[in-house]
N, C-alpha and C. Protein backbone atom coordinates (compact mmCIF):
# COMPACT_ATOMS: atom_id res chain seq x y z
N MET A 1 -4.01 -4.34 18.10
CA MET A 1 -5.31 -4.60 18.68
C MET A 1 -5.39 -6.09 19.01
N ASP A 2 -6.00 -6.39 20.11
CA ASP A 2 -6.19 -7.77 20.54
C ASP A 2 -7.07 -8.49 19.53
N ARG A 3 -6.55 -9.57 18.95
CA ARG A 3 -7.29 -10.28 17.91
C ARG A 3 -8.59 -10.87 18.42
N LEU A 4 -8.71 -11.05 19.72
CA LEU A 4 -9.95 -11.57 20.27
C LEU A 4 -11.09 -10.57 20.09
N LYS A 5 -10.76 -9.31 19.86
CA LYS A 5 -11.78 -8.28 19.70
C LYS A 5 -12.20 -8.11 18.24
N TYR A 6 -11.56 -8.82 17.33
CA TYR A 6 -11.91 -8.68 15.92
C TYR A 6 -13.39 -8.96 15.66
N PRO A 7 -13.98 -10.01 16.25
CA PRO A 7 -15.42 -10.22 16.03
C PRO A 7 -16.27 -9.03 16.47
N GLU A 8 -15.92 -8.42 17.58
CA GLU A 8 -16.67 -7.26 18.06
C GLU A 8 -16.57 -6.10 17.08
N VAL A 9 -15.40 -5.88 16.55
CA VAL A 9 -15.19 -4.78 15.59
C VAL A 9 -16.00 -5.03 14.33
N VAL A 10 -15.95 -6.24 13.80
CA VAL A 10 -16.70 -6.59 12.59
C VAL A 10 -18.20 -6.44 12.83
N GLN A 11 -18.69 -6.93 13.95
CA GLN A 11 -20.12 -6.82 14.25
C GLN A 11 -20.55 -5.36 14.35
N LYS A 12 -19.75 -4.54 14.98
CA LYS A 12 -20.09 -3.11 15.11
C LYS A 12 -20.17 -2.44 13.74
N ILE A 13 -19.22 -2.74 12.87
CA ILE A 13 -19.22 -2.15 11.53
C ILE A 13 -20.46 -2.57 10.76
N LEU A 14 -20.80 -3.85 10.80
CA LEU A 14 -21.99 -4.32 10.09
C LEU A 14 -23.27 -3.72 10.67
N LYS A 15 -23.34 -3.59 11.98
CA LYS A 15 -24.52 -2.99 12.61
C LYS A 15 -24.71 -1.55 12.14
N ASN A 16 -23.63 -0.84 11.88
CA ASN A 16 -23.73 0.54 11.43
C ASN A 16 -24.35 0.66 10.03
N HIS A 17 -24.37 -0.44 9.28
CA HIS A 17 -24.92 -0.42 7.92
C HIS A 17 -26.40 -0.82 7.87
N VAL A 18 -26.98 -1.19 8.98
CA VAL A 18 -28.37 -1.69 8.99
C VAL A 18 -29.35 -0.63 8.53
N GLY A 19 -29.17 0.60 8.86
CA GLY A 19 -30.11 1.66 8.51
C GLY A 19 -30.05 2.10 7.06
N ASN A 20 -29.26 1.41 6.23
CA ASN A 20 -29.05 1.85 4.85
C ASN A 20 -29.95 1.15 3.84
N SER A 21 -31.20 0.85 4.20
CA SER A 21 -32.12 0.20 3.27
C SER A 21 -32.48 1.15 2.13
N LEU A 22 -32.63 0.59 0.94
CA LEU A 22 -32.91 1.42 -0.24
C LEU A 22 -34.31 2.00 -0.24
N ASN A 23 -35.28 1.26 0.31
CA ASN A 23 -36.64 1.79 0.38
C ASN A 23 -37.38 1.10 1.53
N SER A 24 -38.61 1.54 1.77
CA SER A 24 -39.36 1.03 2.92
C SER A 24 -39.90 -0.38 2.71
N GLN A 25 -39.89 -0.88 1.47
CA GLN A 25 -40.38 -2.23 1.20
C GLN A 25 -39.29 -3.29 1.39
N THR A 26 -38.08 -2.86 1.58
CA THR A 26 -36.98 -3.80 1.77
C THR A 26 -36.36 -3.57 3.14
N GLU A 27 -35.60 -4.56 3.58
CA GLU A 27 -34.92 -4.40 4.86
C GLU A 27 -33.50 -4.95 4.76
N VAL A 28 -32.68 -4.50 5.66
CA VAL A 28 -31.32 -4.98 5.77
C VAL A 28 -31.27 -5.86 7.01
N GLN A 29 -30.79 -7.09 6.84
CA GLN A 29 -30.74 -8.04 7.95
C GLN A 29 -29.30 -8.45 8.25
N LEU A 30 -29.04 -8.61 9.53
CA LEU A 30 -27.74 -9.08 10.00
C LEU A 30 -27.81 -10.57 10.28
N ILE A 31 -26.76 -11.27 9.91
CA ILE A 31 -26.63 -12.68 10.27
C ILE A 31 -25.24 -12.85 10.86
N PHE A 32 -25.19 -13.18 12.14
CA PHE A 32 -23.91 -13.37 12.83
C PHE A 32 -23.79 -14.83 13.26
N ASP A 33 -22.67 -15.44 12.95
CA ASP A 33 -22.35 -16.79 13.41
C ASP A 33 -21.01 -16.69 14.15
N PRO A 34 -21.04 -16.23 15.40
CA PRO A 34 -19.80 -16.02 16.14
C PRO A 34 -19.05 -17.32 16.45
N GLU A 35 -19.75 -18.44 16.46
CA GLU A 35 -19.09 -19.72 16.71
C GLU A 35 -18.11 -20.07 15.59
N ARG A 36 -18.47 -19.71 14.36
CA ARG A 36 -17.62 -19.98 13.20
C ARG A 36 -16.98 -18.71 12.64
N ASP A 37 -17.18 -17.58 13.31
CA ASP A 37 -16.64 -16.28 12.90
C ASP A 37 -17.04 -15.90 11.47
N ARG A 38 -18.35 -15.93 11.21
CA ARG A 38 -18.90 -15.53 9.93
C ARG A 38 -19.96 -14.46 10.17
N TYR A 39 -19.89 -13.40 9.37
CA TYR A 39 -20.77 -12.25 9.59
C TYR A 39 -21.27 -11.75 8.24
N GLN A 40 -22.59 -11.52 8.16
CA GLN A 40 -23.19 -11.18 6.88
C GLN A 40 -24.26 -10.11 7.04
N LEU A 41 -24.39 -9.30 6.01
CA LEU A 41 -25.43 -8.28 5.93
C LEU A 41 -26.18 -8.52 4.63
N LEU A 42 -27.50 -8.75 4.73
CA LEU A 42 -28.33 -9.05 3.56
C LEU A 42 -29.34 -7.95 3.30
N HIS A 43 -29.70 -7.79 2.03
CA HIS A 43 -30.76 -6.89 1.61
C HIS A 43 -31.90 -7.77 1.13
N ILE A 44 -33.08 -7.67 1.79
CA ILE A 44 -34.19 -8.57 1.52
C ILE A 44 -35.49 -7.79 1.40
N GLY A 45 -36.34 -8.21 0.48
CA GLY A 45 -37.66 -7.59 0.37
C GLY A 45 -38.17 -7.58 -1.06
N TRP A 46 -39.02 -6.60 -1.33
CA TRP A 46 -39.61 -6.45 -2.66
C TRP A 46 -39.51 -5.00 -3.10
N GLU A 47 -39.24 -4.81 -4.36
CA GLU A 47 -39.33 -3.49 -5.01
C GLU A 47 -40.38 -3.65 -6.10
N ASP A 48 -41.57 -3.15 -5.81
CA ASP A 48 -42.73 -3.36 -6.67
C ASP A 48 -42.95 -4.86 -6.82
N LEU A 49 -42.87 -5.41 -8.02
CA LEU A 49 -43.10 -6.84 -8.23
C LEU A 49 -41.80 -7.63 -8.32
N LYS A 50 -40.69 -6.99 -8.05
CA LYS A 50 -39.38 -7.64 -8.18
C LYS A 50 -38.84 -8.03 -6.81
N ARG A 51 -38.43 -9.28 -6.67
CA ARG A 51 -37.84 -9.78 -5.42
C ARG A 51 -36.41 -9.26 -5.28
N VAL A 52 -36.09 -8.81 -4.08
CA VAL A 52 -34.75 -8.33 -3.77
C VAL A 52 -34.16 -9.26 -2.71
N PHE A 53 -33.03 -9.85 -3.02
CA PHE A 53 -32.33 -10.69 -2.05
C PHE A 53 -30.87 -10.70 -2.45
N GLY A 54 -30.04 -10.12 -1.63
CA GLY A 54 -28.62 -10.08 -1.97
C GLY A 54 -27.74 -9.81 -0.78
N CYS A 55 -26.55 -10.29 -0.91
CA CYS A 55 -25.53 -10.09 0.12
C CYS A 55 -24.85 -8.75 -0.10
N ILE A 56 -24.85 -7.92 0.92
CA ILE A 56 -24.17 -6.63 0.86
C ILE A 56 -22.74 -6.78 1.36
N ILE A 57 -22.60 -7.42 2.52
CA ILE A 57 -21.27 -7.62 3.14
C ILE A 57 -21.20 -9.05 3.66
N TYR A 58 -20.06 -9.70 3.40
CA TYR A 58 -19.79 -11.00 3.99
C TYR A 58 -18.34 -11.02 4.45
N VAL A 59 -18.14 -11.29 5.73
CA VAL A 59 -16.81 -11.27 6.35
C VAL A 59 -16.62 -12.54 7.17
N GLU A 60 -15.42 -13.11 7.08
CA GLU A 60 -15.05 -14.25 7.93
C GLU A 60 -13.74 -13.91 8.64
N ILE A 61 -13.57 -14.47 9.80
CA ILE A 61 -12.30 -14.35 10.51
C ILE A 61 -11.67 -15.73 10.50
N LYS A 62 -10.52 -15.83 9.81
CA LYS A 62 -9.83 -17.11 9.67
C LYS A 62 -8.34 -16.90 9.95
N ASP A 63 -7.80 -17.78 10.74
CA ASP A 63 -6.36 -17.76 11.04
C ASP A 63 -5.89 -16.39 11.52
N GLY A 64 -6.72 -15.73 12.32
CA GLY A 64 -6.35 -14.45 12.90
C GLY A 64 -6.44 -13.26 11.97
N LYS A 65 -7.00 -13.47 10.77
CA LYS A 65 -7.15 -12.38 9.81
C LYS A 65 -8.63 -12.20 9.47
N ILE A 66 -8.98 -10.99 9.09
CA ILE A 66 -10.34 -10.67 8.69
C ILE A 66 -10.40 -10.76 7.16
N TRP A 67 -11.19 -11.71 6.66
CA TRP A 67 -11.34 -11.95 5.23
C TRP A 67 -12.63 -11.28 4.76
N ILE A 68 -12.51 -10.28 3.92
CA ILE A 68 -13.68 -9.60 3.35
C ILE A 68 -14.00 -10.32 2.04
N GLU A 69 -15.05 -11.13 2.07
CA GLU A 69 -15.44 -11.93 0.91
C GLU A 69 -16.35 -11.15 -0.05
N ARG A 70 -17.16 -10.25 0.51
CA ARG A 70 -18.07 -9.44 -0.29
C ARG A 70 -18.18 -8.08 0.38
N ASP A 71 -18.07 -7.03 -0.43
CA ASP A 71 -18.22 -5.67 0.09
C ASP A 71 -18.98 -4.84 -0.92
N GLY A 72 -20.26 -4.65 -0.67
CA GLY A 72 -21.10 -3.86 -1.56
C GLY A 72 -21.34 -2.46 -1.05
N THR A 73 -20.41 -1.92 -0.27
CA THR A 73 -20.56 -0.58 0.28
C THR A 73 -19.71 0.41 -0.49
N GLU A 74 -20.06 1.68 -0.39
CA GLU A 74 -19.27 2.72 -1.04
C GLU A 74 -18.02 3.06 -0.24
N ILE A 75 -18.15 3.09 1.08
CA ILE A 75 -17.03 3.49 1.93
C ILE A 75 -15.95 2.43 1.97
N GLY A 76 -16.35 1.17 1.91
CA GLY A 76 -15.40 0.06 1.95
C GLY A 76 -15.19 -0.45 3.37
N VAL A 77 -15.48 -1.72 3.57
CA VAL A 77 -15.33 -2.34 4.88
C VAL A 77 -13.87 -2.28 5.32
N ALA A 78 -12.94 -2.47 4.40
CA ALA A 78 -11.51 -2.41 4.75
C ALA A 78 -11.16 -1.04 5.34
N ASN A 79 -11.69 0.01 4.76
CA ASN A 79 -11.43 1.36 5.29
C ASN A 79 -12.00 1.51 6.69
N GLU A 80 -13.17 0.95 6.92
CA GLU A 80 -13.78 1.02 8.25
C GLU A 80 -12.97 0.21 9.26
N LEU A 81 -12.45 -0.93 8.84
CA LEU A 81 -11.59 -1.73 9.72
C LEU A 81 -10.32 -0.97 10.07
N LEU A 82 -9.73 -0.31 9.10
CA LEU A 82 -8.53 0.49 9.36
C LEU A 82 -8.82 1.61 10.37
N GLU A 83 -9.95 2.29 10.18
CA GLU A 83 -10.34 3.35 11.11
C GLU A 83 -10.54 2.81 12.53
N ALA A 84 -10.95 1.54 12.63
CA ALA A 84 -11.17 0.93 13.94
C ALA A 84 -9.87 0.42 14.56
N GLY A 85 -8.77 0.54 13.84
CA GLY A 85 -7.48 0.15 14.39
C GLY A 85 -6.96 -1.21 13.97
N ILE A 86 -7.63 -1.87 13.02
CA ILE A 86 -7.16 -3.16 12.54
C ILE A 86 -6.00 -2.90 11.57
N PRO A 87 -4.85 -3.56 11.76
CA PRO A 87 -3.72 -3.34 10.84
C PRO A 87 -3.96 -3.99 9.47
N LYS A 88 -3.38 -3.39 8.44
CA LYS A 88 -3.55 -3.89 7.07
C LYS A 88 -3.11 -5.34 6.92
N HIS A 89 -2.10 -5.76 7.67
CA HIS A 89 -1.61 -7.13 7.53
C HIS A 89 -2.57 -8.17 8.10
N ASP A 90 -3.66 -7.71 8.73
CA ASP A 90 -4.69 -8.63 9.24
C ASP A 90 -5.99 -8.54 8.46
N ILE A 91 -5.98 -7.85 7.32
CA ILE A 91 -7.17 -7.70 6.48
C ILE A 91 -6.87 -8.32 5.11
N VAL A 92 -7.72 -9.25 4.69
CA VAL A 92 -7.58 -9.89 3.39
C VAL A 92 -8.75 -9.46 2.51
N LEU A 93 -8.44 -8.91 1.35
CA LEU A 93 -9.48 -8.54 0.38
C LEU A 93 -9.77 -9.78 -0.45
N ALA A 94 -10.54 -10.70 0.13
CA ALA A 94 -10.77 -12.01 -0.48
C ALA A 94 -11.62 -11.94 -1.74
N PHE A 95 -12.26 -10.81 -2.00
CA PHE A 95 -13.03 -10.66 -3.23
C PHE A 95 -12.12 -10.46 -4.43
N HIS A 96 -10.83 -10.23 -4.19
CA HIS A 96 -9.83 -10.20 -5.27
C HIS A 96 -9.26 -11.60 -5.46
N ALA A 97 -8.94 -11.94 -6.68
CA ALA A 97 -8.31 -13.24 -6.95
C ALA A 97 -7.00 -13.34 -6.17
N PRO A 98 -6.65 -14.54 -5.72
CA PRO A 98 -5.41 -14.68 -4.92
C PRO A 98 -4.17 -14.08 -5.58
N TYR A 99 -4.03 -14.19 -6.89
CA TYR A 99 -2.83 -13.64 -7.54
C TYR A 99 -2.82 -12.11 -7.54
N LYS A 100 -3.98 -11.47 -7.41
CA LYS A 100 -4.05 -10.01 -7.40
C LYS A 100 -3.78 -9.41 -6.01
N ARG A 101 -3.98 -10.20 -4.97
CA ARG A 101 -3.87 -9.67 -3.61
C ARG A 101 -2.48 -9.14 -3.30
N GLN A 102 -1.46 -9.67 -3.93
CA GLN A 102 -0.09 -9.21 -3.68
C GLN A 102 0.11 -7.75 -4.11
N TYR A 103 -0.77 -7.26 -4.97
CA TYR A 103 -0.65 -5.89 -5.46
C TYR A 103 -1.46 -4.90 -4.64
N THR A 104 -2.16 -5.38 -3.61
CA THR A 104 -2.88 -4.49 -2.71
C THR A 104 -1.99 -4.18 -1.52
N GLU A 105 -2.41 -3.26 -0.71
CA GLU A 105 -1.67 -2.92 0.51
C GLU A 105 -2.04 -3.83 1.68
N PHE A 106 -2.90 -4.82 1.41
CA PHE A 106 -3.42 -5.67 2.47
C PHE A 106 -2.81 -7.07 2.43
N ALA A 107 -3.22 -7.90 3.37
CA ALA A 107 -2.69 -9.27 3.46
C ALA A 107 -3.12 -10.08 2.24
N VAL A 108 -2.30 -11.07 1.91
CA VAL A 108 -2.64 -11.93 0.76
C VAL A 108 -3.42 -13.16 1.18
N GLY A 109 -3.43 -13.47 2.45
CA GLY A 109 -4.20 -14.63 2.90
C GLY A 109 -3.55 -15.40 4.00
């Protein structure tokens, strides 16, 4: 796959997660910084008297690879990237410690 399309693939995957809000008092927000190749999905709002604010997904594209820094989904962003045609050697599971990445099927960095 043309690496220039990686931002489009990442954005499409994150957009597909927007409708997954836990309740009507909270919302899922997208934050895209295409100039720096940073993409984030946040959960924001209130559950009764408790503030909700957290990162669900955070992805960066660095040195031609897609770095998954945070993945709070059940399906797994890496699996969605594979389904979209991104090769394993271009996906870094950055939420794993660098020494552990060598034991995954994905890129080490």
